[in-house]
Amino acid sequence: MIEALFNIVVGLMIVGGAAFSLVASIGINRFPDVYSRMHAASKAGTLGSGVILLALAVHADDAATAMRAIAGFVFLLLTAPVAAHLLAKASYEAGYKLWNKSVKDEMIVKIREQKATPQLHGEK
């Protein structure tokens, strides 16, 4: 009885994770600029992969596999948003433009502030 309940929970988690991954892939294909696409990939893709890894942890028969799955989940949560942020910042500095219907460009203000402040003690 309990095993059947675990199988149902694992199945629902896998379907939910796959649904989030599907939403991420649709967002990558449909969004207009690199920043929106990166947002879809980092948020929904991370959540989808993470839920699937947690399903593996619930389904695993041994603690070693469950701990590896949980460690992978934590690693995804810690690294994917940071990587997406750094890629978006590098894309902006490389000259990729925002979508022409974007309302506000907050990075231009930050860049102007950085250029306006004097450099101290040989900092670049």
PDB file of N, CA and C in Angstrom:
ATOM      1  N   MET A   1       0.815  -1.196   0.000  1.00  0.00           N
ATOM      2  CA  MET A   1       0.000   0.000   0.000  1.00  0.00           C
ATOM      3  C   MET A   1       0.862   1.265   0.000  1.00  0.00           C
ATOM      4  N   ILE A   2       1.852   1.296   0.904  1.00  0.00           N
ATOM      5  CA  ILE A   2       2.742   2.451   0.982  1.00  0.00           C
ATOM      6  C   ILE A   2       3.584   2.555  -0.279  1.00  0.00           C
ATOM      7  N   GLU A   3       4.004   1.401  -0.800  1.00  0.00           N
ATOM      8  CA  GLU A   3       4.812   1.412  -2.026  1.00  0.00           C
ATOM      9  C   GLU A   3       4.017   1.976  -3.202  1.00  0.00           C
ATOM     10  N   ALA A   4       2.748   1.647  -3.286  1.00  0.00           N
ATOM     11  CA  ALA A   4       1.900   2.183  -4.344  1.00  0.00           C
ATOM     12  C   ALA A   4       1.744   3.699  -4.194  1.00  0.00           C
ATOM     13  N   LEU A   5       1.638   4.183  -2.957  1.00  0.00           N
ATOM     14  CA  LEU A   5       1.537   5.615  -2.716  1.00  0.00           C
ATOM     15  C   LEU A   5       2.823   6.331  -3.132  1.00  0.00           C
ATOM     16  N   PHE A   6       3.975   5.729  -2.788  1.00  0.00           N
ATOM     17  CA  PHE A   6       5.248   6.311  -3.219  1.00  0.00           C
ATOM     18  C   PHE A   6       5.356   6.357  -4.735  1.00  0.00           C
ATOM     19  N   ASN A   7       4.902   5.305  -5.401  1.00  0.00           N
ATOM     20  CA  ASN A   7       4.951   5.280  -6.869  1.00  0.00           C
ATOM     21  C   ASN A   7       4.059   6.362  -7.476  1.00  0.00           C
ATOM     22  N   ILE A   8       2.907   6.591  -6.870  1.00  0.00           N
ATOM     23  CA  ILE A   8       2.019   7.650  -7.367  1.00  0.00           C
ATOM     24  C   ILE A   8       2.662   9.019  -7.167  1.00  0.00           C
ATOM     25  N   VAL A   9       3.251   9.243  -5.991  1.00  0.00           N
ATOM     26  CA  VAL A   9       3.911  10.521  -5.713  1.00  0.00           C
ATOM     27  C   VAL A   9       5.074  10.738  -6.675  1.00  0.00           C
ATOM     28  N   VAL A  10       5.883   9.710  -6.883  1.00  0.00           N
ATOM     29  CA  VAL A  10       7.021   9.817  -7.805  1.00  0.00           C
ATOM     30  C   VAL A  10       6.525  10.096  -9.221  1.00  0.00           C
ATOM     31  N   GLY A  11       5.479   9.404  -9.634  1.00  0.00           N
ATOM     32  CA  GLY A  11       4.925   9.634 -10.968  1.00  0.00           C
ATOM     33  C   GLY A  11       4.418  11.059 -11.144  1.00  0.00           C
ATOM     34  N   LEU A  12       3.728  11.576 -10.141  1.00  0.00           N
ATOM     35  CA  LEU A  12       3.240  12.954 -10.210  1.00  0.00           C
ATOM     36  C   LEU A  12       4.388  13.959 -10.232  1.00  0.00           C
ATOM     37  N   MET A  13       5.444  13.669  -9.465  1.00  0.00           N
ATOM     38  CA  MET A  13       6.600  14.571  -9.463  1.00  0.00           C
ATOM     39  C   MET A  13       7.300  14.567 -10.825  1.00  0.00           C
ATOM     40  N   ILE A  14       7.422  13.401 -11.433  1.00  0.00           N
ATOM     41  CA  ILE A  14       8.060  13.328 -12.751  1.00  0.00           C
ATOM     42  C   ILE A  14       7.222  14.057 -13.795  1.00  0.00           C
ATOM     43  N   VAL A  15       5.918  13.858 -13.761  1.00  0.00           N
ATOM     44  CA  VAL A  15       5.042  14.562 -14.711  1.00  0.00           C
ATOM     45  C   VAL A  15       5.099  16.075 -14.472  1.00  0.00           C
ATOM     46  N   GLY A  16       5.095  16.487 -13.204  1.00  0.00           N
ATOM     47  CA  GLY A  16       5.201  17.918 -12.897  1.00  0.00           C
ATOM     48  C   GLY A  16       6.529  18.504 -13.355  1.00  0.00           C
ATOM     49  N   GLY A  17       7.625  17.790 -13.104  1.00  0.00           N
ATOM     50  CA  GLY A  17       8.939  18.256 -13.565  1.00  0.00           C
ATOM     51  C   GLY A  17       9.018  18.325 -15.079  1.00  0.00           C
ATOM     52  N   ALA A  18       8.449  17.332 -15.737  1.00  0.00           N
ATOM     53  CA  ALA A  18       8.424  17.357 -17.198  1.00  0.00           C
ATOM     54  C   ALA A  18       7.585  18.517 -17.717  1.00  0.00           C
ATOM     55  N   ALA A  19       6.486  18.828 -17.014  1.00  0.00           N
ATOM     56  CA  ALA A  19       5.648  19.960 -17.430  1.00  0.00           C
ATOM     57  C   ALA A  19       6.414  21.274 -17.299  1.00  0.00           C
ATOM     58  N   PHE A  20       7.148  21.456 -16.203  1.00  0.00           N
ATOM     59  CA  PHE A  20       7.955  22.668 -16.058  1.00  0.00           C
ATOM     60  C   PHE A  20       9.046  22.742 -17.125  1.00  0.00           C
ATOM     61  N   SER A  21       9.646  21.603 -17.443  1.00  0.00           N
ATOM     62  CA  SER A  21      10.661  21.592 -18.499  1.00  0.00           C
ATOM     63  C   SER A  21      10.045  21.920 -19.855  1.00  0.00           C
ATOM     64  N   LEU A  22       8.826  21.448 -20.090  1.00  0.00           N
ATOM     65  CA  LEU A  22       8.127  21.775 -21.333  1.00  0.00           C
ATOM     66  C   LEU A  22       7.831  23.272 -21.407  1.00  0.00           C
ATOM     67  N   VAL A  23       7.383  23.843 -20.289  1.00  0.00           N
ATOM     68  CA  VAL A  23       7.130  25.287 -20.254  1.00  0.00           C
ATOM     69  C   VAL A  23       8.416  26.055 -20.530  1.00  0.00           C
ATOM     70  N   ALA A  24       9.535  25.593 -19.983  1.00  0.00           N
ATOM     71  CA  ALA A  24      10.819  26.249 -20.232  1.00  0.00           C
ATOM     72  C   ALA A  24      11.192  26.181 -21.699  1.00  0.00           C
ATOM     73  N   SER A  25      10.990  25.029 -22.332  1.00  0.00           N
ATOM     74  CA  SER A  25      11.346  24.908 -23.749  1.00  0.00           C
ATOM     75  C   SER A  25      10.421  25.744 -24.631  1.00  0.00           C
ATOM     76  N   ILE A  26       9.151  25.844 -24.271  1.00  0.00           N
ATOM     77  CA  ILE A  26       8.240  26.710 -25.027  1.00  0.00           C
ATOM     78  C   ILE A  26       8.659  28.165 -24.862  1.00  0.00           C
ATOM     79  N   GLY A  27       9.042  28.547 -23.634  1.00  0.00           N
ATOM     80  CA  GLY A  27       9.503  29.913 -23.398  1.00  0.00           C
ATOM     81  C   GLY A  27      10.755  30.245 -24.186  1.00  0.00           C
ATOM     82  N   ILE A  28      11.669  29.293 -24.289  1.00  0.00           N
ATOM     83  CA  ILE A  28      12.891  29.525 -25.064  1.00  0.00           C
ATOM     84  C   ILE A  28      12.553  29.770 -26.532  1.00  0.00           C
ATOM     85  N   ASN A  29      11.573  29.069 -27.038  1.00  0.00           N
ATOM     86  CA  ASN A  29      11.205  29.224 -28.449  1.00  0.00           C
ATOM     87  C   ASN A  29      10.329  30.439 -28.713  1.00  0.00           C
ATOM     88  N   ARG A  30       9.543  30.859 -27.745  1.00  0.00           N
ATOM     89  CA  ARG A  30       8.551  31.898 -28.001  1.00  0.00           C
ATOM     90  C   ARG A  30       8.955  33.304 -27.577  1.00  0.00           C
ATOM     91  N   PHE A  31       9.809  33.436 -26.563  1.00  0.00           N
ATOM     92  CA  PHE A  31      10.142  34.765 -26.067  1.00  0.00           C
ATOM     93  C   PHE A  31      11.003  35.531 -27.063  1.00  0.00           C
ATOM     94  N   PRO A  32      10.896  36.863 -27.071  1.00  0.00           N
ATOM     95  CA  PRO A  32      11.476  37.655 -28.150  1.00  0.00           C
ATOM     96  C   PRO A  32      12.973  37.946 -28.039  1.00  0.00           C
ATOM     97  N   ASP A  33      13.526  38.028 -26.843  1.00  0.00           N
ATOM     98  CA  ASP A  33      14.938  38.397 -26.750  1.00  0.00           C
ATOM     99  C   ASP A  33      15.693  37.414 -25.863  1.00  0.00           C
ATOM    100  N   VAL A  34      17.006  37.564 -25.875  1.00  0.00           N
ATOM    101  CA  VAL A  34      17.868  36.618 -25.172  1.00  0.00           C
ATOM    102  C   VAL A  34      17.625  36.651 -23.670  1.00  0.00           C
ATOM    103  N   TYR A  35      17.258  37.782 -23.121  1.00  0.00           N
ATOM    104  CA  TYR A  35      17.067  37.911 -21.680  1.00  0.00           C
ATOM    105  C   TYR A  35      15.799  37.198 -21.220  1.00  0.00           C
ATOM    106  N   SER A  36      14.730  37.333 -21.962  1.00  0.00           N
ATOM    107  CA  SER A  36      13.490  36.624 -21.637  1.00  0.00           C
ATOM    108  C   SER A  36      13.679  35.123 -21.786  1.00  0.00           C
ATOM    109  N   ARG A  37      14.380  34.717 -22.826  1.00  0.00           N
ATOM    110  CA  ARG A  37      14.638  33.291 -23.031  1.00  0.00           C
ATOM    111  C   ARG A  37      15.485  32.716 -21.895  1.00  0.00           C
ATOM    112  N   MET A  38      16.476  33.483 -21.484  1.00  0.00           N
ATOM    113  CA  MET A  38      17.330  33.025 -20.390  1.00  0.00           C
ATOM    114  C   MET A  38      16.535  32.905 -19.091  1.00  0.00           C
ATOM    115  N   HIS A  39      15.597  33.821 -18.881  1.00  0.00           N
ATOM    116  CA  HIS A  39      14.747  33.774 -17.698  1.00  0.00           C
ATOM    117  C   HIS A  39      13.913  32.492 -17.705  1.00  0.00           C
ATOM    118  N   ALA A  40      13.324  32.175 -18.833  1.00  0.00           N
ATOM    119  CA  ALA A  40      12.509  30.963 -18.929  1.00  0.00           C
ATOM    120  C   ALA A  40      13.353  29.718 -18.695  1.00  0.00           C
ATOM    121  N   ALA A  41      14.534  29.694 -19.273  1.00  0.00           N
ATOM    122  CA  ALA A  41      15.386  28.520 -19.129  1.00  0.00           C
ATOM    123  C   ALA A  41      15.877  28.352 -17.701  1.00  0.00           C
ATOM    124  N   SER A  42      16.225  29.452 -17.060  1.00  0.00           N
ATOM    125  CA  SER A  42      16.795  29.321 -15.718  1.00  0.00           C
ATOM    126  C   SER A  42      15.734  29.033 -14.664  1.00  0.00           C
ATOM    127  N   LYS A  43      14.582  29.644 -14.762  1.00  0.00           N
ATOM    128  CA  LYS A  43      13.560  29.448 -13.722  1.00  0.00           C
ATOM    129  C   LYS A  43      12.811  28.127 -13.901  1.00  0.00           C
ATOM    130  N   ALA A  44      12.122  27.997 -15.010  1.00  0.00           N
ATOM    131  CA  ALA A  44      11.299  26.802 -15.209  1.00  0.00           C
ATOM    132  C   ALA A  44      12.150  25.560 -15.450  1.00  0.00           C
ATOM    133  N   GLY A  45      13.257  25.719 -16.156  1.00  0.00           N
ATOM    134  CA  GLY A  45      14.137  24.571 -16.402  1.00  0.00           C
ATOM    135  C   GLY A  45      14.763  24.044 -15.131  1.00  0.00           C
ATOM    136  N   THR A  46      15.183  24.931 -14.257  1.00  0.00           N
ATOM    137  CA  THR A  46      15.762  24.518 -12.985  1.00  0.00           C
ATOM    138  C   THR A  46      14.721  23.831 -12.110  1.00  0.00           C
ATOM    139  N   LEU A  47      13.541  24.396 -12.056  1.00  0.00           N
ATOM    140  CA  LEU A  47      12.487  23.790 -11.250  1.00  0.00           C
ATOM    141  C   LEU A  47      12.093  22.414 -11.799  1.00  0.00           C
ATOM    142  N   GLY A  48      11.967  22.299 -13.114  1.00  0.00           N
ATOM    143  CA  GLY A  48      11.614  21.013 -13.713  1.00  0.00           C
ATOM    144  C   GLY A  48      12.660  19.950 -13.450  1.00  0.00           C
ATOM    145  N   SER A  49      13.914  20.286 -13.671  1.00  0.00           N
ATOM    146  CA  SER A  49      14.986  19.319 -13.420  1.00  0.00           C
ATOM    147  C   SER A  49      15.082  18.984 -11.934  1.00  0.00           C
ATOM    148  N   GLY A  50      14.893  19.988 -11.093  1.00  0.00           N
ATOM    149  CA  GLY A  50      14.970  19.760  -9.655  1.00  0.00           C
ATOM    150  C   GLY A  50      13.876  18.850  -9.142  1.00  0.00           C
ATOM    151  N   VAL A  51      12.668  19.026  -9.633  1.00  0.00           N
ATOM    152  CA  VAL A  51      11.566  18.169  -9.189  1.00  0.00           C
ATOM    153  C   VAL A  51      11.796  16.736  -9.655  1.00  0.00           C
ATOM    154  N   ILE A  52      12.348  16.556 -10.846  1.00  0.00           N
ATOM    155  CA  ILE A  52      12.657  15.207 -11.319  1.00  0.00           C
ATOM    156  C   ILE A  52      13.750  14.571 -10.466  1.00  0.00           C
ATOM    157  N   LEU A  53      14.754  15.354 -10.072  1.00  0.00           N
ATOM    158  CA  LEU A  53      15.787  14.821  -9.178  1.00  0.00           C
ATOM    159  C   LEU A  53      15.215  14.464  -7.807  1.00  0.00           C
ATOM    160  N   LEU A  54      14.300  15.280  -7.309  1.00  0.00           N
ATOM    161  CA  LEU A  54      13.658  14.937  -6.033  1.00  0.00           C
ATOM    162  C   LEU A  54      12.799  13.676  -6.160  1.00  0.00           C
ATOM    163  N   ALA A  55      12.188  13.479  -7.315  1.00  0.00           N
ATOM    164  CA  ALA A  55      11.438  12.242  -7.554  1.00  0.00           C
ATOM    165  C   ALA A  55      12.375  11.038  -7.511  1.00  0.00           C
ATOM    166  N   LEU A  56      13.562  11.199  -8.071  1.00  0.00           N
ATOM    167  CA  LEU A  56      14.558  10.128  -7.991  1.00  0.00           C
ATOM    168  C   LEU A  56      14.936   9.855  -6.542  1.00  0.00           C
ATOM    169  N   ALA A  57      15.099  10.905  -5.748  1.00  0.00           N
ATOM    170  CA  ALA A  57      15.454  10.725  -4.339  1.00  0.00           C
ATOM    171  C   ALA A  57      14.348   9.982  -3.582  1.00  0.00           C
ATOM    172  N   VAL A  58      13.094  10.280  -3.882  1.00  0.00           N
ATOM    173  CA  VAL A  58      11.982   9.588  -3.225  1.00  0.00           C
ATOM    174  C   VAL A  58      11.915   8.135  -3.669  1.00  0.00           C
ATOM    175  N   HIS A  59      12.203   7.895  -4.946  1.00  0.00           N
ATOM    176  CA  HIS A  59      12.086   6.546  -5.504  1.00  0.00           C
ATOM    177  C   HIS A  59      13.289   5.658  -5.191  1.00  0.00           C
ATOM    178  N   ALA A  60      14.422   6.232  -4.869  1.00  0.00           N
ATOM    179  CA  ALA A  60      15.650   5.458  -4.678  1.00  0.00           C
ATOM    180  C   ALA A  60      15.514   4.504  -3.501  1.00  0.00           C
ATOM    181  N   ASP A  61      16.072   3.325  -3.692  1.00  0.00           N
ATOM    182  CA  ASP A  61      16.035   2.326  -2.635  1.00  0.00           C
ATOM    183  C   ASP A  61      17.161   2.497  -1.622  1.00  0.00           C
ATOM    184  N   ASP A  62      18.244   3.114  -2.037  1.00  0.00           N
ATOM    185  CA  ASP A  62      19.367   3.285  -1.119  1.00  0.00           C
ATOM    186  C   ASP A  62      19.618   4.758  -0.828  1.00  0.00           C
ATOM    187  N   ALA A  63      20.218   4.998   0.318  1.00  0.00           N
ATOM    188  CA  ALA A  63      20.444   6.369   0.768  1.00  0.00           C
ATOM    189  C   ALA A  63      21.488   7.089  -0.078  1.00  0.00           C
ATOM    190  N   ALA A  64      22.446   6.344  -0.620  1.00  0.00           N
ATOM    191  CA  ALA A  64      23.505   6.983  -1.415  1.00  0.00           C
ATOM    192  C   ALA A  64      22.930   7.625  -2.671  1.00  0.00           C
ATOM    193  N   THR A  65      22.044   6.935  -3.346  1.00  0.00           N
ATOM    194  CA  THR A  65      21.421   7.495  -4.545  1.00  0.00           C
ATOM    195  C   THR A  65      20.542   8.686  -4.190  1.00  0.00           C
ATOM    196  N   ALA A  66      19.802   8.568  -3.099  1.00  0.00           N
ATOM    197  CA  ALA A  66      18.936   9.671  -2.678  1.00  0.00           C
ATOM    198  C   ALA A  66      19.765  10.899  -2.323  1.00  0.00           C
ATOM    199  N   MET A  67      20.870  10.710  -1.637  1.00  0.00           N
ATOM    200  CA  MET A  67      21.715  11.846  -1.262  1.00  0.00           C
ATOM    201  C   MET A  67      22.356  12.495  -2.490  1.00  0.00           C
ATOM    202  N   ARG A  68      22.745  11.691  -3.470  1.00  0.00           N
ATOM    203  CA  ARG A  68      23.297  12.259  -4.711  1.00  0.00           C
ATOM    204  C   ARG A  68      22.245  13.068  -5.450  1.00  0.00           C
ATOM    205  N   ALA A  69      21.012  12.570  -5.479  1.00  0.00           N
ATOM    206  CA  ALA A  69      19.930  13.297  -6.150  1.00  0.00           C
ATOM    207  C   ALA A  69      19.637  14.607  -5.427  1.00  0.00           C
ATOM    208  N   ILE A  70      19.619  14.570  -4.110  1.00  0.00           N
ATOM    209  CA  ILE A  70      19.382  15.795  -3.343  1.00  0.00           C
ATOM    210  C   ILE A  70      20.541  16.772  -3.525  1.00  0.00           C
ATOM    211  N   ALA A  71      21.775  16.255  -3.554  1.00  0.00           N
ATOM    212  CA  ALA A  71      22.932  17.119  -3.788  1.00  0.00           C
ATOM    213  C   ALA A  71      22.869  17.749  -5.179  1.00  0.00           C
ATOM    214  N   GLY A  72      22.436  16.979  -6.159  1.00  0.00           N
ATOM    215  CA  GLY A  72      22.257  17.534  -7.508  1.00  0.00           C
ATOM    216  C   GLY A  72      21.201  18.613  -7.539  1.00  0.00           C
ATOM    217  N   PHE A  73      20.119  18.407  -6.806  1.00  0.00           N
ATOM    218  CA  PHE A  73      19.056  19.409  -6.712  1.00  0.00           C
ATOM    219  C   PHE A  73      19.572  20.702  -6.087  1.00  0.00           C
ATOM    220  N   VAL A  74      20.300  20.579  -4.990  1.00  0.00           N
ATOM    221  CA  VAL A  74      20.858  21.761  -4.326  1.00  0.00           C
ATOM    222  C   VAL A  74      21.858  22.458  -5.246  1.00  0.00           C
ATOM    223  N   PHE A  75      22.679  21.675  -5.938  1.00  0.00           N
ATOM    224  CA  PHE A  75      23.642  22.251  -6.876  1.00  0.00           C
ATOM    225  C   PHE A  75      22.928  23.036  -7.975  1.00  0.00           C
ATOM    226  N   LEU A  76      21.857  22.483  -8.513  1.00  0.00           N
ATOM    227  CA  LEU A  76      21.074  23.194  -9.532  1.00  0.00           C
ATOM    228  C   LEU A  76      20.501  24.504  -8.990  1.00  0.00           C
ATOM    229  N   LEU A  77      19.944  24.450  -7.792  1.00  0.00           N
ATOM    230  CA  LEU A  77      19.354  25.657  -7.213  1.00  0.00           C
ATOM    231  C   LEU A  77      20.385  26.744  -6.953  1.00  0.00           C
ATOM    232  N   LEU A  78      21.610  26.336  -6.631  1.00  0.00           N
ATOM    233  CA  LEU A  78      22.642  27.323  -6.327  1.00  0.00           C
ATOM    234  C   LEU A  78      23.344  27.868  -7.563  1.00  0.00           C
ATOM    235  N   THR A  79      23.466  27.071  -8.603  1.00  0.00           N
ATOM    236  CA  THR A  79      24.286  27.485  -9.743  1.00  0.00           C
ATOM    237  C   THR A  79      23.506  28.020 -10.939  1.00  0.00           C
ATOM    238  N   ALA A  80      22.337  27.489 -11.227  1.00  0.00           N
ATOM    239  CA  ALA A  80      21.612  27.904 -12.432  1.00  0.00           C
ATOM    240  C   ALA A  80      21.214  29.378 -12.420  1.00  0.00           C
ATOM    241  N   PRO A  81      20.662  29.920 -11.339  1.00  0.00           N
ATOM    242  CA  PRO A  81      20.327  31.354 -11.359  1.00  0.00           C
ATOM    243  C   PRO A  81      21.555  32.256 -11.458  1.00  0.00           C
ATOM    244  N   VAL A  82      22.633  31.864 -10.800  1.00  0.00           N
ATOM    245  CA  VAL A  82      23.858  32.669 -10.869  1.00  0.00           C
ATOM    246  C   VAL A  82      24.429  32.642 -12.287  1.00  0.00           C
ATOM    247  N   ALA A  83      24.439  31.466 -12.895  1.00  0.00           N
ATOM    248  CA  ALA A  83      24.944  31.351 -14.261  1.00  0.00           C
ATOM    249  C   ALA A  83      24.088  32.156 -15.237  1.00  0.00           C
ATOM    250  N   ALA A  84      22.771  32.109 -15.067  1.00  0.00           N
ATOM    251  CA  ALA A  84      21.890  32.877 -15.944  1.00  0.00           C
ATOM    252  C   ALA A  84      22.120  34.372 -15.774  1.00  0.00           C
ATOM    253  N   HIS A  85      22.324  34.806 -14.537  1.00  0.00           N
ATOM    254  CA  HIS A  85      22.590  36.226 -14.287  1.00  0.00           C
ATOM    255  C   HIS A  85      23.890  36.659 -14.963  1.00  0.00           C
ATOM    256  N   LEU A  86      24.936  35.867 -14.814  1.00  0.00           N
ATOM    257  CA  LEU A  86      26.217  36.220 -15.423  1.00  0.00           C
ATOM    258  C   LEU A  86      26.151  36.195 -16.944  1.00  0.00           C
ATOM    259  N   LEU A  87      25.427  35.236 -17.508  1.00  0.00           N
ATOM    260  CA  LEU A  87      25.264  35.192 -18.959  1.00  0.00           C
ATOM    261  C   LEU A  87      24.467  36.391 -19.467  1.00  0.00           C
ATOM    262  N   ALA A  88      23.436  36.783 -18.724  1.00  0.00           N
ATOM    263  CA  ALA A  88      22.650  37.945 -19.129  1.00  0.00           C
ATOM    264  C   ALA A  88      23.485  39.216 -19.061  1.00  0.00           C
ATOM    265  N   LYS A  89      24.291  39.348 -18.021  1.00  0.00           N
ATOM    266  CA  LYS A  89      25.145  40.527 -17.906  1.00  0.00           C
ATOM    267  C   LYS A  89      26.188  40.561 -19.019  1.00  0.00           C
ATOM    268  N   ALA A  90      26.770  39.411 -19.330  1.00  0.00           N
ATOM    269  CA  ALA A  90      27.741  39.348 -20.422  1.00  0.00           C
ATOM    270  C   ALA A  90      27.076  39.632 -21.766  1.00  0.00           C
ATOM    271  N   SER A  91      25.858  39.153 -21.958  1.00  0.00           N
ATOM    272  CA  SER A  91      25.123  39.436 -23.193  1.00  0.00           C
ATOM    273  C   SER A  91      24.850  40.919 -23.337  1.00  0.00           C
ATOM    274  N   TYR A  92      24.498  41.557 -22.228  1.00  0.00           N
ATOM    275  CA  TYR A  92      24.228  42.995 -22.265  1.00  0.00           C
ATOM    276  C   TYR A  92      25.492  43.769 -22.615  1.00  0.00           C
ATOM    277  N   GLU A  93      26.588  43.395 -21.981  1.00  0.00           N
ATOM    278  CA  GLU A  93      27.842  44.085 -22.251  1.00  0.00           C
ATOM    279  C   GLU A  93      28.360  43.800 -23.659  1.00  0.00           C
ATOM    280  N   ALA A  94      27.992  42.652 -24.227  1.00  0.00           N
ATOM    281  CA  ALA A  94      28.397  42.322 -25.593  1.00  0.00           C
ATOM    282  C   ALA A  94      27.561  43.061 -26.627  1.00  0.00           C
ATOM    283  N   GLY A  95      26.455  43.662 -26.195  1.00  0.00           N
ATOM    284  CA  GLY A  95      25.675  44.475 -27.108  1.00  0.00           C
ATOM    285  C   GLY A  95      24.347  43.896 -27.542  1.00  0.00           C
ATOM    286  N   TYR A  96      23.914  42.791 -26.957  1.00  0.00           N
ATOM    287  CA  TYR A  96      22.599  42.255 -27.304  1.00  0.00           C
ATOM    288  C   TYR A  96      21.532  43.209 -26.777  1.00  0.00           C
ATOM    289  N   LYS A  97      20.663  43.627 -27.652  1.00  0.00           N
ATOM    290  CA  LYS A  97      19.642  44.625 -27.316  1.00  0.00           C
ATOM    291  C   LYS A  97      18.426  43.968 -26.672  1.00  0.00           C
ATOM    292  N   LEU A  98      17.747  44.769 -25.856  1.00  0.00           N
ATOM    293  CA  LEU A  98      16.460  44.346 -25.313  1.00  0.00           C
ATOM    294  C   LEU A  98      15.419  44.339 -26.422  1.00  0.00           C
ATOM    295  N   TRP A  99      14.328  43.661 -26.171  1.00  0.00           N
ATOM    296  CA  TRP A  99      13.210  43.666 -27.088  1.00  0.00           C
ATOM    297  C   TRP A  99      12.736  45.098 -27.257  1.00  0.00           C
ATOM    298  N   ASN A 100      12.352  45.488 -28.476  1.00  0.00           N
ATOM    299  CA  ASN A 100      11.998  46.885 -28.727  1.00  0.00           C
ATOM    300  C   ASN A 100      10.751  47.341 -27.965  1.00  0.00           C
ATOM    301  N   LYS A 101       9.951  46.427 -27.444  1.00  0.00           N
ATOM    302  CA  LYS A 101       8.777  46.803 -26.654  1.00  0.00           C
ATOM    303  C   LYS A 101       9.039  46.707 -25.146  1.00  0.00           C
ATOM    304  N   SER A 102      10.284  46.544 -24.761  1.00  0.00           N
ATOM    305  CA  SER A 102      10.621  46.529 -23.341  1.00  0.00           C
ATOM    306  C   SER A 102      10.346  47.906 -22.749  1.00  0.00           C
ATOM    307  N   VAL A 103       9.854  47.919 -21.535  1.00  0.00           N
ATOM    308  CA  VAL A 103       9.428  49.161 -20.913  1.00  0.00           C
ATOM    309  C   VAL A 103      10.601  49.933 -20.325  1.00  0.00           C
ATOM    310  N   LYS A 104      11.515  49.251 -19.662  1.00  0.00           N
ATOM    311  CA  LYS A 104      12.564  49.950 -18.945  1.00  0.00           C
ATOM    312  C   LYS A 104      13.868  49.170 -19.020  1.00  0.00           C
ATOM    313  N   ASP A 105      14.948  49.879 -19.216  1.00  0.00           N
ATOM    314  CA  ASP A 105      16.284  49.288 -19.230  1.00  0.00           C
ATOM    315  C   ASP A 105      17.014  49.754 -17.976  1.00  0.00           C
ATOM    316  N   GLU A 106      17.031  48.919 -16.954  1.00  0.00           N
ATOM    317  CA  GLU A 106      17.647  49.305 -15.693  1.00  0.00           C
ATOM    318  C   GLU A 106      19.163  49.144 -15.707  1.00  0.00           C
ATOM    319  N   MET A 107      19.683  48.332 -16.616  1.00  0.00           N
ATOM    320  CA  MET A 107      21.136  48.133 -16.659  1.00  0.00           C
ATOM    321  C   MET A 107      21.865  49.371 -17.159  1.00  0.00           C
ATOM    322  N   ILE A 108      21.262  50.147 -18.038  1.00  0.00           N
ATOM    323  CA  ILE A 108      21.928  51.336 -18.558  1.00  0.00           C
ATOM    324  C   ILE A 108      22.191  52.329 -17.432  1.00  0.00           C
ATOM    325  N   VAL A 109      21.290  52.406 -16.468  1.00  0.00           N
ATOM    326  CA  VAL A 109      21.480  53.289 -15.315  1.00  0.00           C
ATOM    327  C   VAL A 109      22.668  52.809 -14.491  1.00  0.00           C
ATOM    328  N   LYS A 110      22.771  51.509 -14.271  1.00  0.00           N
ATOM    329  CA  LYS A 110      23.888  50.958 -13.496  1.00  0.00           C
ATOM    330  C   LYS A 110      25.215  51.202 -14.198  1.00  0.00           C
ATOM    331  N   ILE A 111      25.239  51.023 -15.501  1.00  0.00           N
ATOM    332  CA  ILE A 111      26.475  51.217 -16.248  1.00  0.00           C
ATOM    333  C   ILE A 111      26.887  52.680 -16.220  1.00  0.00           C
ATOM    334  N   ARG A 112      25.931  53.581 -16.343  1.00  0.00           N
ATOM    335  CA  ARG A 112      26.257  55.007 -16.275  1.00  0.00           C
ATOM    336  C   ARG A 112      26.767  55.397 -14.892  1.00  0.00           C
ATOM    337  N   GLU A 113      26.200  54.807 -13.856  1.00  0.00           N
ATOM    338  CA  GLU A 113      26.672  55.086 -12.500  1.00  0.00           C
ATOM    339  C   GLU A 113      28.102  54.580 -12.305  1.00  0.00           C
ATOM    340  N   GLN A 114      28.401  53.404 -12.856  1.00  0.00           N
ATOM    341  CA  GLN A 114      29.748  52.849 -12.725  1.00  0.00           C
ATOM    342  C   GLN A 114      30.766  53.702 -13.468  1.00  0.00           C
ATOM    343  N   LYS A 115      30.388  54.211 -14.617  1.00  0.00           N
ATOM    344  CA  LYS A 115      31.306  55.039 -15.389  1.00  0.00           C
ATOM    345  C   LYS A 115      31.493  56.410 -14.752  1.00  0.00           C
ATOM    346  N   ALA A 116      30.491  56.881 -14.022  1.00  0.00           N
ATOM    347  CA  ALA A 116      30.563  58.209 -13.418  1.00  0.00           C
ATOM    348  C   ALA A 116      31.391  58.216 -12.137  1.00  0.00           C
ATOM    349  N   THR A 117      31.480  57.087 -11.449  1.00  0.00           N
ATOM    350  CA  THR A 117      32.242  57.059 -10.199  1.00  0.00           C
ATOM    351  C   THR A 117      33.729  56.996 -10.502  1.00  0.00           C
ATOM    352  N   PRO A 118      34.538  57.752  -9.770  1.00  0.00           N
ATOM    353  CA  PRO A 118      35.984  57.730 -10.015  1.00  0.00           C
ATOM    354  C   PRO A 118      36.594  56.411  -9.547  1.00  0.00           C
ATOM    355  N   GLN A 119      37.651  55.993 -10.231  1.00  0.00           N
ATOM    356  CA  GLN A 119      38.340  54.777  -9.875  1.00  0.00           C
ATOM    357  C   GLN A 119      39.283  55.040  -8.719  1.00  0.00           C
ATOM    358  N   LEU A 120      39.297  54.134  -7.768  1.00  0.00           N
ATOM    359  CA  LEU A 120      40.130  54.320  -6.592  1.00  0.00           C
ATOM    360  C   LEU A 120      41.272  53.311  -6.570  1.00  0.00           C
ATOM    361  N   HIS A 121      42.434  53.748  -6.253  1.00  0.00           N
ATOM    362  CA  HIS A 121      43.597  52.905  -6.006  1.00  0.00           C
ATOM    363  C   HIS A 121      43.877  51.923  -7.143  1.00  0.00           C
ATOM    364  N   GLY A 122      43.799  52.373  -8.344  1.00  0.00           N
ATOM    365  CA  GLY A 122      44.162  51.557  -9.496  1.00  0.00           C
ATOM    366  C   GLY A 122      43.150  50.517  -9.892  1.00  0.00           C
ATOM    367  N   GLU A 123      41.913  50.592  -9.388  1.00  0.00           N
ATOM    368  CA  GLU A 123      40.878  49.620  -9.781  1.00  0.00           C
ATOM    369  C   GLU A 123      40.477  49.882 -11.221  1.00  0.00           C
ATOM    370  N   LYS A 124      40.097  48.846 -11.885  1.00  0.00           N
ATOM    371  CA  LYS A 124      39.678  48.965 -13.285  1.00  0.00           C
ATOM    372  C   LYS A 124      38.193  48.884 -13.404  1.00  0.00           C
TER     373      LYS A 124
END
